Amino acid sequence: MTLRRTRAENLAMTMLARDGIAAIWLLHLSAARAYRDGHKLGAAGIIEIAEAAEQEWLRRGETRVLNGWPNWRA
């Protein structure tokens, strides 16, 4: 059985490859703006991409960019 990625996951991976962790932050900012402007469905779609990006980033274990940041899990 092969697992296929969703469109949101594909977009998330493309954005992570291009922009790194900044993609996650930019997606959240874009979702907030869309929601504020009354585009609730658009905001929900952007959040779906942001969550997929976060999951992929965590799956890869790319925490090296956070060296020196507080450990919020401690």
C-alpha atoms as a PDB file:
ATOM      1  CA  MET A   1       0.000   0.000   0.000  1.00  0.00           C
ATOM      2  CA  THR A   2       1.411   3.354  -1.001  1.00  0.00           C
ATOM      3  CA  LEU A   3       0.609   6.512   0.872  1.00  0.00           C
ATOM      4  CA  ARG A   4      -0.061   9.556  -1.250  1.00  0.00           C
ATOM      5  CA  ARG A   5       0.508  13.064  -0.012  1.00  0.00           C
ATOM      6  CA  THR A   6      -2.283  15.599   0.026  1.00  0.00           C
ATOM      7  CA  ARG A   7      -2.066  18.804  -1.952  1.00  0.00           C
ATOM      8  CA  ALA A   8      -1.462  20.683   1.323  1.00  0.00           C
ATOM      9  CA  GLU A   9       1.432  18.353   2.165  1.00  0.00           C
ATOM     10  CA  ASN A  10       2.966  18.807  -1.286  1.00  0.00           C
ATOM     11  CA  LEU A  11       2.719  22.597  -1.006  1.00  0.00           C
ATOM     12  CA  ALA A  12       4.153  22.467   2.508  1.00  0.00           C
ATOM     13  CA  MET A  13       7.159  20.431   1.397  1.00  0.00           C
ATOM     14  CA  THR A  14       7.807  22.755  -1.532  1.00  0.00           C
ATOM     15  CA  MET A  15       7.644  25.813   0.709  1.00  0.00           C
ATOM     16  CA  LEU A  16       9.886  24.219   3.350  1.00  0.00           C
ATOM     17  CA  ALA A  17      12.472  23.366   0.707  1.00  0.00           C
ATOM     18  CA  ARG A  18      12.420  26.923  -0.615  1.00  0.00           C
ATOM     19  CA  ASP A  19      11.998  29.005   2.581  1.00  0.00           C
ATOM     20  CA  GLY A  20      12.851  26.734   5.500  1.00  0.00           C
ATOM     21  CA  ILE A  21      11.174  27.322   8.844  1.00  0.00           C
ATOM     22  CA  ALA A  22      10.218  30.848   7.772  1.00  0.00           C
ATOM     23  CA  ALA A  23       7.562  29.263   5.546  1.00  0.00           C
ATOM     24  CA  ILE A  24       5.636  28.133   8.621  1.00  0.00           C
ATOM     25  CA  TRP A  25       5.629  31.609  10.130  1.00  0.00           C
ATOM     26  CA  LEU A  26       4.656  33.228   6.833  1.00  0.00           C
ATOM     27  CA  LEU A  27       1.798  30.766   6.377  1.00  0.00           C
ATOM     28  CA  HIS A  28       0.434  31.597   9.824  1.00  0.00           C
ATOM     29  CA  LEU A  29       0.667  35.320   9.110  1.00  0.00           C
ATOM     30  CA  SER A  30      -1.098  34.832   5.788  1.00  0.00           C
ATOM     31  CA  ALA A  31      -3.855  32.799   7.433  1.00  0.00           C
ATOM     32  CA  ALA A  32      -4.380  35.488  10.068  1.00  0.00           C
ATOM     33  CA  ARG A  33      -4.656  38.161   7.408  1.00  0.00           C
ATOM     34  CA  ALA A  34      -7.085  36.094   5.336  1.00  0.00           C
ATOM     35  CA  TYR A  35      -9.248  35.478   8.396  1.00  0.00           C
ATOM     36  CA  ARG A  36      -9.150  39.153   9.363  1.00  0.00           C
ATOM     37  CA  ASP A  37     -10.223  40.111   5.849  1.00  0.00           C
ATOM     38  CA  GLY A  38     -13.212  37.760   6.036  1.00  0.00           C
ATOM     39  CA  HIS A  39     -11.820  34.847   4.010  1.00  0.00           C
ATOM     40  CA  LYS A  40     -12.403  32.133   6.586  1.00  0.00           C
ATOM     41  CA  LEU A  41     -12.248  29.190   4.172  1.00  0.00           C
ATOM     42  CA  GLY A  42      -9.046  30.532   2.658  1.00  0.00           C
ATOM     43  CA  ALA A  43      -7.571  30.950   6.127  1.00  0.00           C
ATOM     44  CA  ALA A  44      -8.490  27.358   6.978  1.00  0.00           C
ATOM     45  CA  GLY A  45      -6.747  26.123   3.834  1.00  0.00           C
ATOM     46  CA  ILE A  46      -3.612  28.084   4.636  1.00  0.00           C
ATOM     47  CA  ILE A  47      -3.599  26.719   8.202  1.00  0.00           C
ATOM     48  CA  GLU A  48      -3.840  23.198   6.764  1.00  0.00           C
ATOM     49  CA  ILE A  49      -0.679  23.867   4.753  1.00  0.00           C
ATOM     50  CA  ALA A  50       1.049  25.418   7.781  1.00  0.00           C
ATOM     51  CA  GLU A  51       0.222  22.392   9.922  1.00  0.00           C
ATOM     52  CA  ALA A  52       1.518  20.033   7.245  1.00  0.00           C
ATOM     53  CA  ALA A  53       4.733  22.067   7.093  1.00  0.00           C
ATOM     54  CA  GLU A  54       5.112  21.940  10.867  1.00  0.00           C
ATOM     55  CA  GLN A  55       4.601  18.178  10.915  1.00  0.00           C
ATOM     56  CA  GLU A  56       7.158  17.660   8.147  1.00  0.00           C
ATOM     57  CA  TRP A  57       9.653  19.981   9.826  1.00  0.00           C
ATOM     58  CA  LEU A  58       9.294  18.101  13.110  1.00  0.00           C
ATOM     59  CA  ARG A  59       9.431  14.719  11.353  1.00  0.00           C
ATOM     60  CA  ARG A  60      12.753  15.704   9.788  1.00  0.00           C
ATOM     61  CA  GLY A  61      14.070  16.711  13.198  1.00  0.00           C
ATOM     62  CA  GLU A  62      15.262  20.062  11.906  1.00  0.00           C
ATOM     63  CA  THR A  63      15.596  21.657  15.322  1.00  0.00           C
ATOM     64  CA  ARG A  64      19.166  22.775  14.662  1.00  0.00           C
ATOM     65  CA  VAL A  65      17.867  26.184  13.572  1.00  0.00           C
ATOM     66  CA  LEU A  66      16.550  26.667  17.090  1.00  0.00           C
ATOM     67  CA  ASN A  67      19.926  26.425  18.830  1.00  0.00           C
ATOM     68  CA  GLY A  68      20.055  29.084  21.501  1.00  0.00           C
ATOM     69  CA  TRP A  69      16.262  29.413  21.729  1.00  0.00           C
ATOM     70  CA  PRO A  70      14.546  28.496  24.984  1.00  0.00           C
ATOM     71  CA  ASN A  71      13.466  24.895  25.329  1.00  0.00           C
ATOM     72  CA  TRP A  72       9.702  25.246  25.739  1.00  0.00           C
ATOM     73  CA  ARG A  73       9.249  21.524  26.284  1.00  0.00           C
ATOM     74  CA  ALA A  74      11.422  21.404  29.404  1.00  0.00           C
END
